[in-house]
Amino acid sequence: MSTITAILDPHADGSLHLPLPAELRHRRVRVEATLEAADEAEAIPTLATPEMLRQRKEALAALRALGGMKDVIPDPAVWQREQREDRPLPGRE
């Protein structure tokens, strides 16, 4: 038996999705739930912190310093057109 404590954000349809531990993912699960509003202080922040933003900028700068993929894909727009497989759309034959 596993006890899970989680603060979940409801989806637009009003449902909650609970992530399961790996050992319970392929079997039936009994759930007992107590629902109560969470204090905002308990909520997990969804916005990036200044530290997270700094790390992201540093990572992107490091990728740029490496030269990106210009030697592999010199023109991304042309590459995308070559990769794309168009399909007929309904009503547009």
C-alpha atoms as a PDB file:
ATOM      1  CA  MET A   1       0.000   0.000   0.000  1.00  0.00           C
ATOM      2  CA  SER A   2       1.265   3.474  -0.898  1.00  0.00           C
ATOM      3  CA  THR A   3       0.140   6.734   0.620  1.00  0.00           C
ATOM      4  CA  ILE A   4       0.372   9.696  -1.714  1.00  0.00           C
ATOM      5  CA  THR A   5      -0.042  13.305  -0.696  1.00  0.00           C
ATOM      6  CA  ALA A   6      -0.330  15.647  -3.657  1.00  0.00           C
ATOM      7  CA  ILE A   7      -1.598  19.093  -4.537  1.00  0.00           C
ATOM      8  CA  LEU A   8      -3.162  18.882  -7.991  1.00  0.00           C
ATOM      9  CA  ASP A   9      -4.303  21.581 -10.391  1.00  0.00           C
ATOM     10  CA  PRO A  10      -7.718  20.765 -11.841  1.00  0.00           C
ATOM     11  CA  HIS A  11      -7.937  20.429 -15.618  1.00  0.00           C
ATOM     12  CA  ALA A  12     -10.314  22.591 -17.649  1.00  0.00           C
ATOM     13  CA  ASP A  13     -12.925  19.808 -17.605  1.00  0.00           C
ATOM     14  CA  GLY A  14     -12.881  19.767 -13.792  1.00  0.00           C
ATOM     15  CA  SER A  15     -11.059  16.448 -13.435  1.00  0.00           C
ATOM     16  CA  LEU A  16      -7.886  15.684 -11.508  1.00  0.00           C
ATOM     17  CA  HIS A  17      -5.155  13.432 -12.839  1.00  0.00           C
ATOM     18  CA  LEU A  18      -3.121  11.609 -10.237  1.00  0.00           C
ATOM     19  CA  PRO A  19       0.303  10.294 -11.224  1.00  0.00           C
ATOM     20  CA  LEU A  20       0.783   6.743  -9.985  1.00  0.00           C
ATOM     21  CA  PRO A  21       3.929   5.139  -8.604  1.00  0.00           C
ATOM     22  CA  ALA A  22       5.578   2.757 -11.083  1.00  0.00           C
ATOM     23  CA  GLU A  23       4.595  -0.370  -9.136  1.00  0.00           C
ATOM     24  CA  LEU A  24       0.872   0.483  -9.420  1.00  0.00           C
ATOM     25  CA  ARG A  25       0.698   1.479 -13.089  1.00  0.00           C
ATOM     26  CA  HIS A  26      -0.312  -1.906 -14.514  1.00  0.00           C
ATOM     27  CA  ARG A  27      -2.945  -3.066 -12.066  1.00  0.00           C
ATOM     28  CA  ARG A  28      -6.225  -2.005 -10.556  1.00  0.00           C
ATOM     29  CA  VAL A  29      -5.907   0.650  -7.856  1.00  0.00           C
ATOM     30  CA  ARG A  30      -8.195   1.433  -4.945  1.00  0.00           C
ATOM     31  CA  VAL A  31      -8.306   5.166  -4.226  1.00  0.00           C
ATOM     32  CA  GLU A  32      -9.527   6.882  -1.093  1.00  0.00           C
ATOM     33  CA  ALA A  33      -9.597  10.645  -1.482  1.00  0.00           C
ATOM     34  CA  THR A  34     -10.225  13.601   0.755  1.00  0.00           C
ATOM     35  CA  LEU A  35     -10.608  16.816  -1.194  1.00  0.00           C
ATOM     36  CA  GLU A  36      -9.954  20.195   0.378  1.00  0.00           C
ATOM     37  CA  ALA A  37      -8.794  23.519  -0.967  1.00  0.00           C
ATOM     38  CA  ALA A  38      -5.030  23.975  -0.756  1.00  0.00           C
ATOM     39  CA  ASP A  39      -3.535  27.120   0.679  1.00  0.00           C
ATOM     40  CA  GLU A  40      -1.704  29.192  -1.924  1.00  0.00           C
ATOM     41  CA  ALA A  41       1.443  28.823   0.195  1.00  0.00           C
ATOM     42  CA  GLU A  42       1.229  25.038  -0.301  1.00  0.00           C
ATOM     43  CA  ALA A  43       0.804  25.275  -4.051  1.00  0.00           C
ATOM     44  CA  ILE A  44       3.762  24.439  -6.227  1.00  0.00           C
ATOM     45  CA  PRO A  45       4.878  27.555  -8.103  1.00  0.00           C
ATOM     46  CA  THR A  46       4.191  27.259 -11.822  1.00  0.00           C
ATOM     47  CA  LEU A  47       6.240  30.285 -12.841  1.00  0.00           C
ATOM     48  CA  ALA A  48       9.946  30.083 -13.460  1.00  0.00           C
ATOM     49  CA  THR A  49      12.093  31.564 -10.746  1.00  0.00           C
ATOM     50  CA  PRO A  50      14.836  34.070 -11.619  1.00  0.00           C
ATOM     51  CA  GLU A  51      17.389  31.307 -10.990  1.00  0.00           C
ATOM     52  CA  MET A  52      15.612  28.983 -13.448  1.00  0.00           C
ATOM     53  CA  LEU A  53      15.513  31.734 -16.082  1.00  0.00           C
ATOM     54  CA  ARG A  54      19.235  32.414 -15.593  1.00  0.00           C
ATOM     55  CA  GLN A  55      20.042  28.710 -16.031  1.00  0.00           C
ATOM     56  CA  ARG A  56      17.950  28.523 -19.195  1.00  0.00           C
ATOM     57  CA  LYS A  57      19.661  31.583 -20.680  1.00  0.00           C
ATOM     58  CA  GLU A  58      23.077  30.118 -19.874  1.00  0.00           C
ATOM     59  CA  ALA A  59      22.139  26.802 -21.503  1.00  0.00           C
ATOM     60  CA  LEU A  60      20.918  28.546 -24.669  1.00  0.00           C
ATOM     61  CA  ALA A  61      24.075  30.681 -24.780  1.00  0.00           C
ATOM     62  CA  ALA A  62      26.180  27.504 -24.506  1.00  0.00           C
ATOM     63  CA  LEU A  63      24.261  25.950 -27.415  1.00  0.00           C
ATOM     64  CA  ARG A  64      24.771  29.072 -29.500  1.00  0.00           C
ATOM     65  CA  ALA A  65      28.495  29.019 -28.688  1.00  0.00           C
ATOM     66  CA  LEU A  66      28.677  25.457 -30.004  1.00  0.00           C
ATOM     67  CA  GLY A  67      27.336  26.696 -33.328  1.00  0.00           C
ATOM     68  CA  GLY A  68      23.950  25.036 -33.180  1.00  0.00           C
ATOM     69  CA  MET A  69      23.095  22.809 -36.115  1.00  0.00           C
ATOM     70  CA  LYS A  70      23.933  25.180 -38.967  1.00  0.00           C
ATOM     71  CA  ASP A  71      26.372  22.644 -40.405  1.00  0.00           C
ATOM     72  CA  VAL A  72      23.617  19.986 -40.424  1.00  0.00           C
ATOM     73  CA  ILE A  73      20.574  22.143 -41.245  1.00  0.00           C
ATOM     74  CA  PRO A  74      21.735  25.374 -42.910  1.00  0.00           C
ATOM     75  CA  ASP A  75      18.207  26.569 -43.803  1.00  0.00           C
ATOM     76  CA  PRO A  76      15.525  25.315 -41.369  1.00  0.00           C
ATOM     77  CA  ALA A  77      12.618  26.433 -43.587  1.00  0.00           C
ATOM     78  CA  VAL A  78      13.898  24.456 -46.574  1.00  0.00           C
ATOM     79  CA  TRP A  79      14.637  21.460 -44.344  1.00  0.00           C
ATOM     80  CA  GLN A  80      11.078  21.538 -42.958  1.00  0.00           C
ATOM     81  CA  ARG A  81       9.549  21.608 -46.456  1.00  0.00           C
ATOM     82  CA  GLU A  82      11.689  18.613 -47.416  1.00  0.00           C
ATOM     83  CA  GLN A  83      10.683  16.659 -44.305  1.00  0.00           C
ATOM     84  CA  ARG A  84       6.980  17.432 -44.391  1.00  0.00           C
ATOM     85  CA  GLU A  85       4.688  14.894 -45.985  1.00  0.00           C
ATOM     86  CA  ASP A  86       1.539  16.651 -47.156  1.00  0.00           C
ATOM     87  CA  ARG A  87      -1.672  14.702 -47.050  1.00  0.00           C
ATOM     88  CA  PRO A  88      -4.961  15.441 -48.795  1.00  0.00           C
ATOM     89  CA  LEU A  89      -7.374  17.354 -46.597  1.00  0.00           C
ATOM     90  CA  PRO A  90     -11.047  16.348 -46.511  1.00  0.00           C
ATOM     91  CA  GLY A  91     -13.163  18.331 -48.958  1.00  0.00           C
ATOM     92  CA  ARG A  92     -10.147  19.740 -50.834  1.00  0.00           C
ATOM     93  CA  GLU A  93      -9.546  17.111 -53.530  1.00  0.00           C
END
